[in-house]
Amino acid sequence: MLIRYKKPFEKIAMGLLSFMPEERDIKKLQETMKAYETADDWQLYLWKEEDIVGAIGARVTADEVEIQHISVNPSYRQEGIGKKMIKALKDMYSDKQIIPNSTTSAFFYKCEQEEDPA
């Protein structure tokens, strides 16, 4: 289940986002978290099963949602959680186009291909 990020989940969210190569530097990670906490168009969601095991962050505009971050706890990878987060985001923003950024595009399109076998 996708839940909206709240300040009490900060350490969990930072841990998940730190798995992304461009967020390994602590200063960069802190800047990213600050943006999710303060910018109106930046939204961070956490994937909760029994525990919080994933994070997906996006920049939301009037007509599109750009996925900026997507990360799953390594212990839970290969279980389709990333794909479930993308689908939940698409359901949540069904009136907008969901697009990846350069960092998330390879994973995003891999999920799209698996979802839509030709």
PDB file of N, CA and C in Angstrom:
ATOM      1  N   MET A   1       0.841  -1.173   0.000  1.00  0.00           N
ATOM      2  CA  MET A   1       0.000   0.000   0.000  1.00  0.00           C
ATOM      3  C   MET A   1       0.891   1.242   0.000  1.00  0.00           C
ATOM      4  N   LEU A   2       0.561   2.193  -0.839  1.00  0.00           N
ATOM      5  CA  LEU A   2       1.303   3.437  -0.939  1.00  0.00           C
ATOM      6  C   LEU A   2       0.791   4.414   0.116  1.00  0.00           C
ATOM      7  N   ILE A   3       1.695   4.934   0.937  1.00  0.00           N
ATOM      8  CA  ILE A   3       1.319   5.938   1.930  1.00  0.00           C
ATOM      9  C   ILE A   3       2.160   7.185   1.715  1.00  0.00           C
ATOM     10  N   ARG A   4       1.596   8.323   2.048  1.00  0.00           N
ATOM     11  CA  ARG A   4       2.310   9.579   1.865  1.00  0.00           C
ATOM     12  C   ARG A   4       3.397   9.727   2.929  1.00  0.00           C
ATOM     13  N   TYR A   5       4.534  10.231   2.524  1.00  0.00           N
ATOM     14  CA  TYR A   5       5.652  10.453   3.440  1.00  0.00           C
ATOM     15  C   TYR A   5       5.262  11.462   4.513  1.00  0.00           C
ATOM     16  N   LYS A   6       5.666  11.167   5.740  1.00  0.00           N
ATOM     17  CA  LYS A   6       5.517  12.093   6.855  1.00  0.00           C
ATOM     18  C   LYS A   6       6.859  12.148   7.587  1.00  0.00           C
ATOM     19  N   LYS A   7       7.107  13.251   8.262  1.00  0.00           N
ATOM     20  CA  LYS A   7       8.384  13.489   8.956  1.00  0.00           C
ATOM     21  C   LYS A   7       8.819  12.330   9.870  1.00  0.00           C
ATOM     22  N   PRO A   8       7.907  11.670  10.610  1.00  0.00           N
ATOM     23  CA  PRO A   8       8.364  10.555  11.462  1.00  0.00           C
ATOM     24  C   PRO A   8       9.029   9.408  10.689  1.00  0.00           C
ATOM     25  N   PHE A   9       8.785   9.330   9.382  1.00  0.00           N
ATOM     26  CA  PHE A   9       9.378   8.277   8.546  1.00  0.00           C
ATOM     27  C   PHE A   9      10.688   8.720   7.896  1.00  0.00           C
ATOM     28  N   GLU A  10      11.237   9.854   8.334  1.00  0.00           N
ATOM     29  CA  GLU A  10      12.396  10.433   7.659  1.00  0.00           C
ATOM     30  C   GLU A  10      13.581   9.468   7.570  1.00  0.00           C
ATOM     31  N   LYS A  11      13.944   8.816   8.663  1.00  0.00           N
ATOM     32  CA  LYS A  11      15.113   7.923   8.640  1.00  0.00           C
ATOM     33  C   LYS A  11      14.889   6.739   7.701  1.00  0.00           C
ATOM     34  N   ILE A  12      13.681   6.191   7.714  1.00  0.00           N
ATOM     35  CA  ILE A  12      13.355   5.073   6.820  1.00  0.00           C
ATOM     36  C   ILE A  12      13.442   5.532   5.368  1.00  0.00           C
ATOM     37  N   ALA A  13      12.837   6.694   5.085  1.00  0.00           N
ATOM     38  CA  ALA A  13      12.839   7.224   3.712  1.00  0.00           C
ATOM     39  C   ALA A  13      14.264   7.513   3.246  1.00  0.00           C
ATOM     40  N   MET A  14      15.061   8.116   4.111  1.00  0.00           N
ATOM     41  CA  MET A  14      16.448   8.411   3.738  1.00  0.00           C
ATOM     42  C   MET A  14      17.223   7.115   3.479  1.00  0.00           C
ATOM     43  N   GLY A  15      16.974   6.113   4.295  1.00  0.00           N
ATOM     44  CA  GLY A  15      17.635   4.828   4.089  1.00  0.00           C
ATOM     45  C   GLY A  15      17.285   4.225   2.742  1.00  0.00           C
ATOM     46  N   LEU A  16      16.005   4.279   2.396  1.00  0.00           N
ATOM     47  CA  LEU A  16      15.572   3.726   1.111  1.00  0.00           C
ATOM     48  C   LEU A  16      16.136   4.527  -0.060  1.00  0.00           C
ATOM     49  N   LEU A  17      16.054   5.858   0.022  1.00  0.00           N
ATOM     50  CA  LEU A  17      16.555   6.686  -1.078  1.00  0.00           C
ATOM     51  C   LEU A  17      18.069   6.558  -1.230  1.00  0.00           C
ATOM     52  N   SER A  18      18.775   6.248  -0.136  1.00  0.00           N
ATOM     53  CA  SER A  18      20.238   6.140  -0.206  1.00  0.00           C
ATOM     54  C   SER A  18      20.692   4.954  -1.065  1.00  0.00           C
ATOM     55  N   PHE A  19      19.784   4.034  -1.395  1.00  0.00           N
ATOM     56  CA  PHE A  19      20.134   2.928  -2.289  1.00  0.00           C
ATOM     57  C   PHE A  19      20.274   3.393  -3.735  1.00  0.00           C
ATOM     58  N   MET A  20      19.755   4.591  -4.047  1.00  0.00           N
ATOM     59  CA  MET A  20      19.893   5.124  -5.405  1.00  0.00           C
ATOM     60  C   MET A  20      21.288   5.735  -5.538  1.00  0.00           C
ATOM     61  N   PRO A  21      22.019   5.397  -6.594  1.00  0.00           N
ATOM     62  CA  PRO A  21      23.416   5.851  -6.726  1.00  0.00           C
ATOM     63  C   PRO A  21      23.607   7.361  -6.552  1.00  0.00           C
ATOM     64  N   GLU A  22      22.715   8.176  -7.116  1.00  0.00           N
ATOM     65  CA  GLU A  22      22.904   9.632  -7.034  1.00  0.00           C
ATOM     66  C   GLU A  22      22.552  10.198  -5.662  1.00  0.00           C
ATOM     67  N   GLU A  23      22.013   9.371  -4.777  1.00  0.00           N
ATOM     68  CA  GLU A  23      21.642   9.835  -3.433  1.00  0.00           C
ATOM     69  C   GLU A  23      22.572   9.281  -2.348  1.00  0.00           C
ATOM     70  N   ARG A  24      23.689   8.693  -2.734  1.00  0.00           N
ATOM     71  CA  ARG A  24      24.586   8.091  -1.737  1.00  0.00           C
ATOM     72  C   ARG A  24      25.307   9.148  -0.901  1.00  0.00           C
ATOM     73  N   ASP A  25      25.576  10.324  -1.491  1.00  0.00           N
ATOM     74  CA  ASP A  25      26.221  11.405  -0.766  1.00  0.00           C
ATOM     75  C   ASP A  25      25.222  11.994   0.233  1.00  0.00           C
ATOM     76  N   ILE A  26      25.605  12.076   1.492  1.00  0.00           N
ATOM     77  CA  ILE A  26      24.673  12.503   2.546  1.00  0.00           C
ATOM     78  C   ILE A  26      24.143  13.918   2.317  1.00  0.00           C
ATOM     79  N   LYS A  27      24.984  14.826   1.823  1.00  0.00           N
ATOM     80  CA  LYS A  27      24.517  16.199   1.575  1.00  0.00           C
ATOM     81  C   LYS A  27      23.437  16.216   0.488  1.00  0.00           C
ATOM     82  N   LYS A  28      23.668  15.456  -0.567  1.00  0.00           N
ATOM     83  CA  LYS A  28      22.688  15.369  -1.665  1.00  0.00           C
ATOM     84  C   LYS A  28      21.387  14.752  -1.149  1.00  0.00           C
ATOM     85  N   LEU A  29      21.514  13.708  -0.355  1.00  0.00           N
ATOM     86  CA  LEU A  29      20.340  13.038   0.205  1.00  0.00           C
ATOM     87  C   LEU A  29      19.548  13.989   1.104  1.00  0.00           C
ATOM     88  N   GLN A  30      20.238  14.771   1.914  1.00  0.00           N
ATOM     89  CA  GLN A  30      19.555  15.735   2.782  1.00  0.00           C
ATOM     90  C   GLN A  30      18.836  16.800   1.959  1.00  0.00           C
ATOM     91  N   GLU A  31      19.462  17.258   0.869  1.00  0.00           N
ATOM     92  CA  GLU A  31      18.819  18.236  -0.020  1.00  0.00           C
ATOM     93  C   GLU A  31      17.554  17.642  -0.638  1.00  0.00           C
ATOM     94  N   THR A  32      17.648  16.383  -1.062  1.00  0.00           N
ATOM     95  CA  THR A  32      16.495  15.712  -1.658  1.00  0.00           C
ATOM     96  C   THR A  32      15.354  15.609  -0.654  1.00  0.00           C
ATOM     97  N   MET A  33      15.670  15.195   0.566  1.00  0.00           N
ATOM     98  CA  MET A  33      14.631  15.074   1.594  1.00  0.00           C
ATOM     99  C   MET A  33      14.003  16.427   1.890  1.00  0.00           C
ATOM    100  N   LYS A  34      14.814  17.478   1.944  1.00  0.00           N
ATOM    101  CA  LYS A  34      14.294  18.822   2.196  1.00  0.00           C
ATOM    102  C   LYS A  34      13.323  19.232   1.091  1.00  0.00           C
ATOM    103  N   ALA A  35      13.669  18.898  -0.160  1.00  0.00           N
ATOM    104  CA  ALA A  35      12.795  19.222  -1.285  1.00  0.00           C
ATOM    105  C   ALA A  35      11.456  18.494  -1.147  1.00  0.00           C
ATOM    106  N   TYR A  36      11.486  17.212  -0.772  1.00  0.00           N
ATOM    107  CA  TYR A  36      10.236  16.465  -0.605  1.00  0.00           C
ATOM    108  C   TYR A  36       9.398  17.021   0.544  1.00  0.00           C
ATOM    109  N   GLU A  37      10.062  17.579   1.547  1.00  0.00           N
ATOM    110  CA  GLU A  37       9.334  18.122   2.695  1.00  0.00           C
ATOM    111  C   GLU A  37       8.799  19.526   2.448  1.00  0.00           C
ATOM    112  N   THR A  38       9.440  20.300   1.573  1.00  0.00           N
ATOM    113  CA  THR A  38       9.070  21.712   1.441  1.00  0.00           C
ATOM    114  C   THR A  38       8.459  22.111   0.095  1.00  0.00           C
ATOM    115  N   ALA A  39       8.855  21.461  -0.980  1.00  0.00           N
ATOM    116  CA  ALA A  39       8.358  21.859  -2.313  1.00  0.00           C
ATOM    117  C   ALA A  39       6.962  21.285  -2.548  1.00  0.00           C
ATOM    118  N   ASP A  40       6.052  22.137  -2.944  1.00  0.00           N
ATOM    119  CA  ASP A  40       4.667  21.706  -3.164  1.00  0.00           C
ATOM    120  C   ASP A  40       4.530  20.684  -4.279  1.00  0.00           C
ATOM    121  N   ASP A  41       5.411  20.764  -5.295  1.00  0.00           N
ATOM    122  CA  ASP A  41       5.275  19.858  -6.436  1.00  0.00           C
ATOM    123  C   ASP A  41       6.079  18.561  -6.280  1.00  0.00           C
ATOM    124  N   TRP A  42       6.818  18.395  -5.186  1.00  0.00           N
ATOM    125  CA  TRP A  42       7.565  17.159  -4.928  1.00  0.00           C
ATOM    126  C   TRP A  42       6.774  16.308  -3.943  1.00  0.00           C
ATOM    127  N   GLN A  43       6.465  15.075  -4.326  1.00  0.00           N
ATOM    128  CA  GLN A  43       5.705  14.169  -3.462  1.00  0.00           C
ATOM    129  C   GLN A  43       6.477  12.876  -3.270  1.00  0.00           C
ATOM    130  N   LEU A  44       6.591  12.447  -2.026  1.00  0.00           N
ATOM    131  CA  LEU A  44       7.272  11.197  -1.702  1.00  0.00           C
ATOM    132  C   LEU A  44       6.265  10.251  -1.063  1.00  0.00           C
ATOM    133  N   TYR A  45       6.254   9.027  -1.551  1.00  0.00           N
ATOM    134  CA  TYR A  45       5.357   7.995  -1.023  1.00  0.00           C
ATOM    135  C   TYR A  45       6.192   6.797  -0.599  1.00  0.00           C
ATOM    136  N   LEU A  46       5.698   6.116   0.409  1.00  0.00           N
ATOM    137  CA  LEU A  46       6.372   4.926   0.921  1.00  0.00           C
ATOM    138  C   LEU A  46       5.478   3.720   0.687  1.00  0.00           C
ATOM    139  N   TRP A  47       6.088   2.581   0.410  1.00  0.00           N
ATOM    140  CA  TRP A  47       5.337   1.341   0.193  1.00  0.00           C
ATOM    141  C   TRP A  47       5.362   0.544   1.490  1.00  0.00           C
ATOM    142  N   LYS A  48       4.177   0.312   2.036  1.00  0.00           N
ATOM    143  CA  LYS A  48       4.066  -0.384   3.313  1.00  0.00           C
ATOM    144  C   LYS A  48       3.365  -1.708   3.125  1.00  0.00           C
ATOM    145  N   GLU A  49       4.034  -2.755   3.538  1.00  0.00           N
ATOM    146  CA  GLU A  49       3.406  -4.071   3.632  1.00  0.00           C
ATOM    147  C   GLU A  49       3.299  -4.303   5.137  1.00  0.00           C
ATOM    148  N   GLU A  50       4.051  -5.222   5.713  1.00  0.00           N
ATOM    149  CA  GLU A  50       4.123  -5.273   7.175  1.00  0.00           C
ATOM    150  C   GLU A  50       5.039  -4.149   7.653  1.00  0.00           C
ATOM    151  N   ASP A  51       6.095  -3.919   6.914  1.00  0.00           N
ATOM    152  CA  ASP A  51       7.033  -2.826   7.184  1.00  0.00           C
ATOM    153  C   ASP A  51       7.081  -1.931   5.955  1.00  0.00           C
ATOM    154  N   ILE A  52       7.736  -0.802   6.087  1.00  0.00           N
ATOM    155  CA  ILE A  52       7.959   0.069   4.932  1.00  0.00           C
ATOM    156  C   ILE A  52       9.157  -0.494   4.184  1.00  0.00           C
ATOM    157  N   VAL A  53       8.946  -0.878   2.931  1.00  0.00           N
ATOM    158  CA  VAL A  53       9.995  -1.567   2.168  1.00  0.00           C
ATOM    159  C   VAL A  53      10.378  -0.858   0.874  1.00  0.00           C
ATOM    160  N   GLY A  54       9.681   0.236   0.531  1.00  0.00           N
ATOM    161  CA  GLY A  54       9.988   0.931  -0.709  1.00  0.00           C
ATOM    162  C   GLY A  54       9.631   2.393  -0.634  1.00  0.00           C
ATOM    163  N   ALA A  55      10.188   3.165  -1.574  1.00  0.00           N
ATOM    164  CA  ALA A  55       9.892   4.591  -1.676  1.00  0.00           C
ATOM    165  C   ALA A  55       9.824   4.965  -3.145  1.00  0.00           C
ATOM    166  N   ILE A  56       8.888   5.856  -3.453  1.00  0.00           N
ATOM    167  CA  ILE A  56       8.783   6.396  -4.812  1.00  0.00           C
ATOM    168  C   ILE A  56       8.502   7.888  -4.681  1.00  0.00           C
ATOM    169  N   GLY A  57       9.301   8.662  -5.373  1.00  0.00           N
ATOM    170  CA  GLY A  57       9.161  10.112  -5.306  1.00  0.00           C
ATOM    171  C   GLY A  57       8.925  10.683  -6.683  1.00  0.00           C
ATOM    172  N   ALA A  58       8.099  11.712  -6.736  1.00  0.00           N
ATOM    173  CA  ALA A  58       7.738  12.288  -8.031  1.00  0.00           C
ATOM    174  C   ALA A  58       7.578  13.798  -7.938  1.00  0.00           C
ATOM    175  N   ARG A  59       7.746  14.428  -9.088  1.00  0.00           N
ATOM    176  CA  ARG A  59       7.455  15.850  -9.227  1.00  0.00           C
ATOM    177  C   ARG A  59       6.146  15.935  -9.990  1.00  0.00           C
ATOM    178  N   VAL A  60       5.153  16.546  -9.364  1.00  0.00           N
ATOM    179  CA  VAL A  60       3.801  16.582  -9.926  1.00  0.00           C
ATOM    180  C   VAL A  60       3.526  17.961 -10.512  1.00  0.00           C
ATOM    181  N   THR A  61       3.151  17.979 -11.800  1.00  0.00           N
ATOM    182  CA  THR A  61       2.763  19.229 -12.446  1.00  0.00           C
ATOM    183  C   THR A  61       1.299  19.125 -12.860  1.00  0.00           C
ATOM    184  N   ALA A  62       0.814  20.123 -13.555  1.00  0.00           N
ATOM    185  CA  ALA A  62      -0.599  20.153 -13.929  1.00  0.00           C
ATOM    186  C   ALA A  62      -1.017  18.951 -14.770  1.00  0.00           C
ATOM    187  N   ASP A  63      -0.117  18.477 -15.649  1.00  0.00           N
ATOM    188  CA  ASP A  63      -0.541  17.396 -16.540  1.00  0.00           C
ATOM    189  C   ASP A  63       0.340  16.155 -16.519  1.00  0.00           C
ATOM    190  N   GLU A  64       1.419  16.166 -15.715  1.00  0.00           N
ATOM    191  CA  GLU A  64       2.247  14.960 -15.660  1.00  0.00           C
ATOM    192  C   GLU A  64       2.870  14.759 -14.285  1.00  0.00           C
ATOM    193  N   VAL A  65       3.271  13.511 -14.071  1.00  0.00           N
ATOM    194  CA  VAL A  65       3.949  13.112 -12.839  1.00  0.00           C
ATOM    195  C   VAL A  65       5.273  12.490 -13.269  1.00  0.00           C
ATOM    196  N   GLU A  66       6.378  13.155 -12.906  1.00  0.00           N
ATOM    197  CA  GLU A  66       7.696  12.655 -13.283  1.00  0.00           C
ATOM    198  C   GLU A  66       8.290  11.893 -12.097  1.00  0.00           C
ATOM    199  N   ILE A  67       8.532  10.602 -12.304  1.00  0.00           N
ATOM    200  CA  ILE A  67       9.110   9.770 -11.252  1.00  0.00           C
ATOM    201  C   ILE A  67      10.592  10.111 -11.141  1.00  0.00           C
ATOM    202  N   GLN A  68      10.978  10.620  -9.966  1.00  0.00           N
ATOM    203  CA  GLN A  68      12.359  11.041  -9.737  1.00  0.00           C
ATOM    204  C   GLN A  68      13.168   9.997  -8.977  1.00  0.00           C
ATOM    205  N   HIS A  69      12.504   9.276  -8.096  1.00  0.00           N
ATOM    206  CA  HIS A  69      13.175   8.268  -7.280  1.00  0.00           C
ATOM    207  C   HIS A  69      12.293   7.034  -7.169  1.00  0.00           C
ATOM    208  N   ILE A  70      12.906   5.881  -7.184  1.00  0.00           N
ATOM    209  CA  ILE A  70      12.190   4.642  -6.887  1.00  0.00           C
ATOM    210  C   ILE A  70      13.224   3.688  -6.284  1.00  0.00           C
ATOM    211  N   SER A  71      12.894   3.188  -5.106  1.00  0.00           N
ATOM    212  CA  SER A  71      13.854   2.357  -4.395  1.00  0.00           C
ATOM    213  C   SER A  71      13.118   1.326  -3.546  1.00  0.00           C
ATOM    214  N   VAL A  72      13.681   0.125  -3.513  1.00  0.00           N
ATOM    215  CA  VAL A  72      13.120  -0.967  -2.713  1.00  0.00           C
ATOM    216  C   VAL A  72      14.249  -1.517  -1.833  1.00  0.00           C
ATOM    217  N   ASN A  73      13.922  -1.809  -0.589  1.00  0.00           N
ATOM    218  CA  ASN A  73      14.863  -2.433   0.330  1.00  0.00           C
ATOM    219  C   ASN A  73      15.435  -3.677  -0.358  1.00  0.00           C
ATOM    220  N   PRO A  74      16.759  -3.834  -0.384  1.00  0.00           N
ATOM    221  CA  PRO A  74      17.356  -4.984  -1.081  1.00  0.00           C
ATOM    222  C   PRO A  74      16.803  -6.346  -0.653  1.00  0.00           C
ATOM    223  N   SER A  75      16.378  -6.478   0.575  1.00  0.00           N
ATOM    224  CA  SER A  75      15.821  -7.751   1.047  1.00  0.00           C
ATOM    225  C   SER A  75      14.482  -8.085   0.395  1.00  0.00           C
ATOM    226  N   TYR A  76      13.849  -7.083  -0.227  1.00  0.00           N
ATOM    227  CA  TYR A  76      12.520  -7.278  -0.818  1.00  0.00           C
ATOM    228  C   TYR A  76      12.527  -7.125  -2.335  1.00  0.00           C
ATOM    229  N   ARG A  77      13.694  -7.051  -2.932  1.00  0.00           N
ATOM    230  CA  ARG A  77      13.772  -6.879  -4.389  1.00  0.00           C
ATOM    231  C   ARG A  77      13.373  -8.167  -5.099  1.00  0.00           C
ATOM    232  N   GLN A  78      13.023  -8.035  -6.357  1.00  0.00           N
ATOM    233  CA  GLN A  78      12.585  -9.154  -7.209  1.00  0.00           C
ATOM    234  C   GLN A  78      11.225  -9.708  -6.778  1.00  0.00           C
ATOM    235  N   GLU A  79      10.462  -8.914  -6.035  1.00  0.00           N
ATOM    236  CA  GLU A  79       9.122  -9.340  -5.615  1.00  0.00           C
ATOM    237  C   GLU A  79       8.029  -8.501  -6.272  1.00  0.00           C
ATOM    238  N   GLY A  80       8.404  -7.615  -7.191  1.00  0.00           N
ATOM    239  CA  GLY A  80       7.411  -6.804  -7.896  1.00  0.00           C
ATOM    240  C   GLY A  80       6.970  -5.557  -7.155  1.00  0.00           C
ATOM    241  N   ILE A  81       7.666  -5.191  -6.094  1.00  0.00           N
ATOM    242  CA  ILE A  81       7.258  -4.025  -5.308  1.00  0.00           C
ATOM    243  C   ILE A  81       7.433  -2.728  -6.101  1.00  0.00           C
ATOM    244  N   GLY A  82       8.535  -2.593  -6.814  1.00  0.00           N
ATOM    245  CA  GLY A  82       8.742  -1.401  -7.645  1.00  0.00           C
ATOM    246  C   GLY A  82       7.626  -1.240  -8.658  1.00  0.00           C
ATOM    247  N   LYS A  83       7.253  -2.337  -9.289  1.00  0.00           N
ATOM    248  CA  LYS A  83       6.171  -2.332 -10.268  1.00  0.00           C
ATOM    249  C   LYS A  83       4.846  -1.947  -9.596  1.00  0.00           C
ATOM    250  N   LYS A  84       4.607  -2.475  -8.390  1.00  0.00           N
ATOM    251  CA  LYS A  84       3.377  -2.145  -7.655  1.00  0.00           C
ATOM    252  C   LYS A  84       3.340  -0.663  -7.305  1.00  0.00           C
ATOM    253  N   MET A  85       4.497  -0.088  -6.949  1.00  0.00           N
ATOM    254  CA  MET A  85       4.532   1.339  -6.613  1.00  0.00           C
ATOM    255  C   MET A  85       4.206   2.188  -7.833  1.00  0.00           C
ATOM    256  N   ILE A  86       4.758   1.820  -8.982  1.00  0.00           N
ATOM    257  CA  ILE A  86       4.458   2.573 -10.211  1.00  0.00           C
ATOM    258  C   ILE A  86       2.974   2.466 -10.542  1.00  0.00           C
ATOM    259  N   LYS A  87       2.411   1.264 -10.435  1.00  0.00           N
ATOM    260  CA  LYS A  87       0.988   1.081 -10.720  1.00  0.00           C
ATOM    261  C   LYS A  87       0.124   1.895  -9.751  1.00  0.00           C
ATOM    262  N   ALA A  88       0.476   1.894  -8.468  1.00  0.00           N
ATOM    263  CA  ALA A  88      -0.278   2.661  -7.474  1.00  0.00           C
ATOM    264  C   ALA A  88      -0.207   4.160  -7.777  1.00  0.00           C
ATOM    265  N   LEU A  89       0.958   4.631  -8.224  1.00  0.00           N
ATOM    266  CA  LEU A  89       1.106   6.041  -8.591  1.00  0.00           C
ATOM    267  C   LEU A  89       0.241   6.363  -9.805  1.00  0.00           C
ATOM    268  N   LYS A  90       0.228   5.451 -10.787  1.00  0.00           N
ATOM    269  CA  LYS A  90      -0.624   5.641 -11.971  1.00  0.00           C
ATOM    270  C   LYS A  90      -2.099   5.696 -11.574  1.00  0.00           C
ATOM    271  N   ASP A  91      -2.512   4.823 -10.648  1.00  0.00           N
ATOM    272  CA  ASP A  91      -3.903   4.821 -10.183  1.00  0.00           C
ATOM    273  C   ASP A  91      -4.227   6.114  -9.442  1.00  0.00           C
ATOM    274  N   MET A  92      -3.294   6.578  -8.634  1.00  0.00           N
ATOM    275  CA  MET A  92      -3.498   7.784  -7.835  1.00  0.00           C
ATOM    276  C   MET A  92      -3.615   9.028  -8.717  1.00  0.00           C
ATOM    277  N   TYR A  93      -2.811   9.062  -9.771  1.00  0.00           N
ATOM    278  CA  TYR A  93      -2.789  10.208 -10.690  1.00  0.00           C
ATOM    279  C   TYR A  93      -3.295   9.776 -12.063  1.00  0.00           C
ATOM    280  N   SER A  94      -4.446   9.153 -12.097  1.00  0.00           N
ATOM    281  CA  SER A  94      -4.973   8.598 -13.354  1.00  0.00           C
ATOM    282  C   SER A  94      -5.277   9.679 -14.397  1.00  0.00           C
ATOM    283  N   ASP A  95      -5.406  10.928 -13.968  1.00  0.00           N
ATOM    284  CA  ASP A  95      -5.696  12.023 -14.890  1.00  0.00           C
ATOM    285  C   ASP A  95      -4.420  12.655 -15.461  1.00  0.00           C
ATOM    286  N   LYS A  96      -3.262  12.144 -15.072  1.00  0.00           N
ATOM    287  CA  LYS A  96      -1.996  12.725 -15.526  1.00  0.00           C
ATOM    288  C   LYS A  96      -1.138  11.652 -16.210  1.00  0.00           C
ATOM    289  N   GLN A  97      -0.213  12.130 -17.041  1.00  0.00           N
ATOM    290  CA  GLN A  97       0.727  11.225 -17.689  1.00  0.00           C
ATOM    291  C   GLN A  97       1.860  10.931 -16.702  1.00  0.00           C
ATOM    292  N   ILE A  98       2.196   9.671 -16.528  1.00  0.00           N
ATOM    293  CA  ILE A  98       3.289   9.265 -15.648  1.00  0.00           C
ATOM    294  C   ILE A  98       4.523   9.049 -16.514  1.00  0.00           C
ATOM    295  N   ILE A  99       5.601   9.771 -16.196  1.00  0.00           N
ATOM    296  CA  ILE A  99       6.833   9.653 -16.975  1.00  0.00           C
ATOM    297  C   ILE A  99       8.014   9.483 -16.020  1.00  0.00           C
ATOM    298  N   PRO A 100       9.087   8.837 -16.474  1.00  0.00           N
ATOM    299  CA  PRO A 100      10.285   8.720 -15.644  1.00  0.00           C
ATOM    300  C   PRO A 100      11.249   9.873 -15.925  1.00  0.00           C
ATOM    301  N   ASN A 101      12.215  10.072 -15.042  1.00  0.00           N
ATOM    302  CA  ASN A 101      13.320  10.967 -15.377  1.00  0.00           C
ATOM    303  C   ASN A 101      14.472  10.093 -15.879  1.00  0.00           C
ATOM    304  N   SER A 102      15.623  10.689 -16.140  1.00  0.00           N
ATOM    305  CA  SER A 102      16.725   9.907 -16.714  1.00  0.00           C
ATOM    306  C   SER A 102      17.209   8.812 -15.758  1.00  0.00           C
ATOM    307  N   THR A 103      17.096   9.035 -14.463  1.00  0.00           N
ATOM    308  CA  THR A 103      17.549   8.058 -13.476  1.00  0.00           C
ATOM    309  C   THR A 103      16.608   6.864 -13.372  1.00  0.00           C
ATOM    310  N   THR A 104      15.311   7.110 -13.495  1.00  0.00           N
ATOM    311  CA  THR A 104      14.328   6.038 -13.284  1.00  0.00           C
ATOM    312  C   THR A 104      13.813   5.432 -14.584  1.00  0.00           C
ATOM    313  N   SER A 105      14.255   5.951 -15.725  1.00  0.00           N
ATOM    314  CA  SER A 105      13.675   5.514 -17.004  1.00  0.00           C
ATOM    315  C   SER A 105      13.914   4.035 -17.318  1.00  0.00           C
ATOM    316  N   ALA A 106      15.108   3.515 -17.073  1.00  0.00           N
ATOM    317  CA  ALA A 106      15.381   2.116 -17.411  1.00  0.00           C
ATOM    318  C   ALA A 106      14.444   1.184 -16.640  1.00  0.00           C
ATOM    319  N   PHE A 107      14.301   1.418 -15.343  1.00  0.00           N
ATOM    320  CA  PHE A 107      13.416   0.576 -14.528  1.00  0.00           C
ATOM    321  C   PHE A 107      11.959   0.773 -14.946  1.00  0.00           C
ATOM    322  N   PHE A 108      11.567   2.018 -15.167  1.00  0.00           N
ATOM    323  CA  PHE A 108      10.183   2.335 -15.546  1.00  0.00           C
ATOM    324  C   PHE A 108       9.797   1.594 -16.833  1.00  0.00           C
ATOM    325  N   TYR A 109      10.636   1.688 -17.845  1.00  0.00           N
ATOM    326  CA  TYR A 109      10.302   1.049 -19.126  1.00  0.00           C
ATOM    327  C   TYR A 109      10.370  -0.475 -19.051  1.00  0.00           C
ATOM    328  N   LYS A 110      11.225  -0.995 -18.188  1.00  0.00           N
ATOM    329  CA  LYS A 110      11.261  -2.441 -17.967  1.00  0.00           C
ATOM    330  C   LYS A 110       9.919  -2.896 -17.380  1.00  0.00           C
ATOM    331  N   CYS A 111       9.395  -2.135 -16.429  1.00  0.00           N
ATOM    332  CA  CYS A 111       8.091  -2.461 -15.834  1.00  0.00           C
ATOM    333  C   CYS A 111       6.984  -2.353 -16.871  1.00  0.00           C
ATOM    334  N   GLU A 112       7.053  -1.339 -17.716  1.00  0.00           N
ATOM    335  CA  GLU A 112       6.042  -1.139 -18.760  1.00  0.00           C
ATOM    336  C   GLU A 112       6.020  -2.330 -19.719  1.00  0.00           C
ATOM    337  N   GLN A 113       7.215  -2.816 -20.098  1.00  0.00           N
ATOM    338  CA  GLN A 113       7.299  -3.950 -21.026  1.00  0.00           C
ATOM    339  C   GLN A 113       6.725  -5.213 -20.393  1.00  0.00           C
ATOM    340  N   GLU A 114       7.020  -5.436 -19.110  1.00  0.00           N
ATOM    341  CA  GLU A 114       6.513  -6.623 -18.432  1.00  0.00           C
ATOM    342  C   GLU A 114       5.008  -6.561 -18.275  1.00  0.00           C
ATOM    343  N   GLU A 115       4.484  -5.352 -18.118  1.00  0.00           N
ATOM    344  CA  GLU A 115       3.051  -5.159 -17.946  1.00  0.00           C
ATOM    345  C   GLU A 115       2.295  -5.349 -19.265  1.00  0.00           C
ATOM    346  N   ASP A 116       2.958  -4.977 -20.370  1.00  0.00           N
ATOM    347  CA  ASP A 116       2.320  -4.945 -21.678  1.00  0.00           C
ATOM    348  C   ASP A 116       3.032  -5.861 -22.669  1.00  0.00           C
ATOM    349  N   PRO A 117       3.028  -7.185 -22.473  1.00  0.00           N
ATOM    350  CA  PRO A 117       3.765  -8.031 -23.421  1.00  0.00           C
ATOM    351  C   PRO A 117       3.156  -7.955 -24.822  1.00  0.00           C
ATOM    352  N   ALA A 118       4.008  -7.740 -25.793  1.00  0.00           N
ATOM    353  CA  ALA A 118       3.521  -7.563 -27.180  1.00  0.00           C
ATOM    354  C   ALA A 118       3.526  -8.879 -27.930  1.00  0.00           C
TER     355      ALA A 118
END
